[in-house]
Protein backbone atom coordinates (compact mmCIF):
# COMPACT_ATOMS: atom_id res chain seq x y z
CA MET A 1 -54.05 -36.10 3.56
CA ILE A 2 -51.36 -33.41 3.39
CA GLU A 3 -48.18 -34.54 1.64
CA PRO A 4 -45.06 -33.84 3.73
CA GLN A 5 -42.45 -31.55 2.21
CA LYS A 6 -39.46 -33.15 0.56
CA PRO A 7 -36.17 -32.60 2.40
CA SER A 8 -34.83 -30.63 -0.58
CA ALA A 9 -37.79 -28.22 -0.42
CA ILE A 10 -37.26 -27.70 3.32
CA LEU A 11 -33.53 -27.10 2.81
CA TRP A 12 -34.14 -24.59 0.00
CA GLY A 13 -36.69 -22.86 2.25
CA ALA A 14 -34.06 -22.64 5.00
CA PHE A 15 -31.56 -21.30 2.47
CA ASP A 16 -34.01 -18.54 1.52
CA LEU A 17 -34.43 -17.61 5.19
CA ILE A 18 -30.70 -16.87 5.65
CA ASN A 19 -29.79 -15.86 2.11
CA ALA A 20 -29.03 -12.24 3.05
CA PRO A 21 -26.44 -11.53 5.78
CA TYR A 22 -28.92 -9.48 7.81
CA LYS A 23 -31.21 -12.55 8.01
CA TRP A 24 -28.50 -14.81 9.52
CA THR A 25 -27.33 -15.13 13.11
CA MET A 26 -24.88 -17.05 15.28
CA ALA A 27 -25.12 -18.57 18.79
CA ALA A 28 -28.94 -18.79 18.79
CA TYR A 29 -31.56 -20.60 16.71
CA ALA A 30 -33.24 -17.27 15.96
CA ARG A 31 -33.32 -13.63 16.98
CA ARG A 32 -35.88 -10.84 17.05
CA LYS A 33 -35.33 -7.46 15.45
CA GLY A 34 -33.63 -6.12 18.60
CA GLY A 35 -31.20 -9.05 18.68
CA GLU A 36 -32.84 -11.02 21.50
CA ALA A 37 -32.75 -14.80 21.09
CA CYS A 38 -36.10 -16.48 20.43
CA THR A 39 -37.54 -19.69 19.05
CA PRO A 40 -37.56 -20.02 15.25
CA ARG A 41 -41.32 -20.61 15.49
CA SER A 42 -41.85 -17.11 16.91
CA SER A 43 -43.67 -14.72 14.60
CA ARG A 44 -41.11 -12.09 15.68
CA ALA A 45 -38.07 -14.15 14.57
CA CYS A 46 -36.30 -12.42 11.69
CA ARG A 47 -32.73 -13.80 11.82
CA PHE A 48 -31.82 -17.49 11.90
CA CYS A 49 -28.83 -19.79 12.20
CA VAL A 50 -28.80 -22.75 9.78
CA GLU A 51 -30.53 -25.08 12.24
CA GLY A 52 -33.07 -22.42 13.22
CA ALA A 53 -33.81 -21.77 9.55
CA LEU A 54 -34.29 -25.50 9.00
CA TRP A 55 -36.63 -25.64 12.01
CA ARG A 56 -38.67 -22.69 10.73
CA ALA A 57 -38.80 -24.00 7.13
CA SER A 58 -39.81 -27.51 8.24
CA GLY A 59 -42.74 -26.38 10.36
CA LEU A 60 -41.86 -29.03 12.94
CA GLU A 61 -42.74 -28.44 16.59
CA THR A 62 -39.42 -29.08 18.37
CA ALA A 63 -35.68 -28.99 17.79
CA GLY A 64 -35.61 -32.73 18.53
CA ALA A 65 -38.07 -33.42 15.73
CA VAL A 66 -35.93 -31.36 13.36
CA GLU A 67 -32.79 -33.31 14.36
CA ARG A 68 -34.57 -36.58 13.53
CA SER A 69 -35.69 -35.34 10.09
CA ALA A 70 -34.25 -36.42 6.75
CA ALA A 71 -33.50 -32.76 5.93
CA TYR A 72 -31.29 -32.50 9.03
CA GLY A 73 -29.48 -35.68 7.95
CA PHE A 74 -28.51 -34.02 4.67
CA LEU A 75 -27.48 -30.84 6.51
CA ARG A 76 -25.31 -32.83 8.90
CA ARG A 77 -23.54 -34.61 6.02
CA SER A 78 -23.00 -31.27 4.34
CA ALA A 79 -21.48 -29.81 7.53
CA LEU A 80 -18.62 -32.31 7.27
CA ARG A 81 -17.50 -30.57 4.08
CA PHE A 82 -17.04 -27.24 5.84
CA LYS A 83 -15.32 -28.17 9.09
CA LEU A 84 -12.07 -26.55 10.12
CA ASP A 85 -8.78 -28.44 10.43
CA GLY A 86 -8.50 -30.16 13.78
CA TRP A 87 -12.26 -30.61 14.28
CA ASP A 88 -13.40 -34.14 14.94
CA ASP A 89 -15.28 -36.09 12.28
CA ASP A 90 -18.72 -35.60 13.83
CA VAL A 91 -19.28 -31.90 13.18
CA LEU A 92 -22.72 -30.44 13.84
CA PRO A 93 -24.20 -27.83 11.48
CA SER A 94 -24.54 -25.41 14.42
CA ILE A 95 -20.78 -25.59 15.05
CA VAL A 96 -20.00 -24.73 11.42
CA ASN A 97 -22.58 -21.94 11.59
CA ASP A 98 -21.13 -20.45 14.79
CA PHE A 99 -17.43 -20.73 13.96
CA ARG A 100 -17.46 -19.88 10.26
CA ASP A 101 -19.21 -17.07 8.38
CA HIS A 102 -22.45 -16.28 6.54
CA THR A 103 -21.05 -17.39 3.19
CA THR A 104 -20.14 -20.79 4.61
CA ALA A 105 -23.58 -21.14 6.23
CA ARG A 106 -25.21 -20.48 2.85
CA ARG A 107 -22.88 -22.89 1.09
CA MET A 108 -23.61 -25.59 3.67
CA LEU A 109 -27.40 -25.28 3.17
CA ARG A 110 -27.08 -25.13 -0.61
CA SER A 111 -24.87 -28.23 -0.59
CA ALA A 112 -27.37 -30.11 1.60
CA ALA A 113 -30.30 -29.14 -0.65
CA ARG A 114 -28.43 -30.33 -3.73
CA MET A 115 -27.54 -33.62 -2.00
CA ALA A 116 -31.22 -34.15 -1.21
CA GLU A 117 -32.19 -33.38 -4.81
CA ARG A 118 -29.61 -35.87 -6.14
CA ALA A 119 -31.09 -38.47 -3.79
CA GLY A 120 -34.56 -37.76 -5.21
CA GLN A 121 -35.72 -36.30 -1.95
């Protein structure tokens, strides 16, 4: 039986996928080299938003499966730390990704991975 990845390993994998600015995107889960939006599971995907990177790193089939994962739970809690003034208390990681910058996206993923590690996951 194959052991599932720990949430922290998935989150660090997602962090690696967007670590460089040219590997990160906004307003789409993933993009091809020419900038066209695509699924993170595409072999041609080369740029990812935080949720797309999490999807790709997790190996899960659908966005819904990713959103139900423990790794996404840590990412969602981390997103609350990076919201802008005036945002409501239920901020999604994609909102932080699309309305902040690459540095914040990296910090959000790193924070989530560290939370998962502290939780032993």
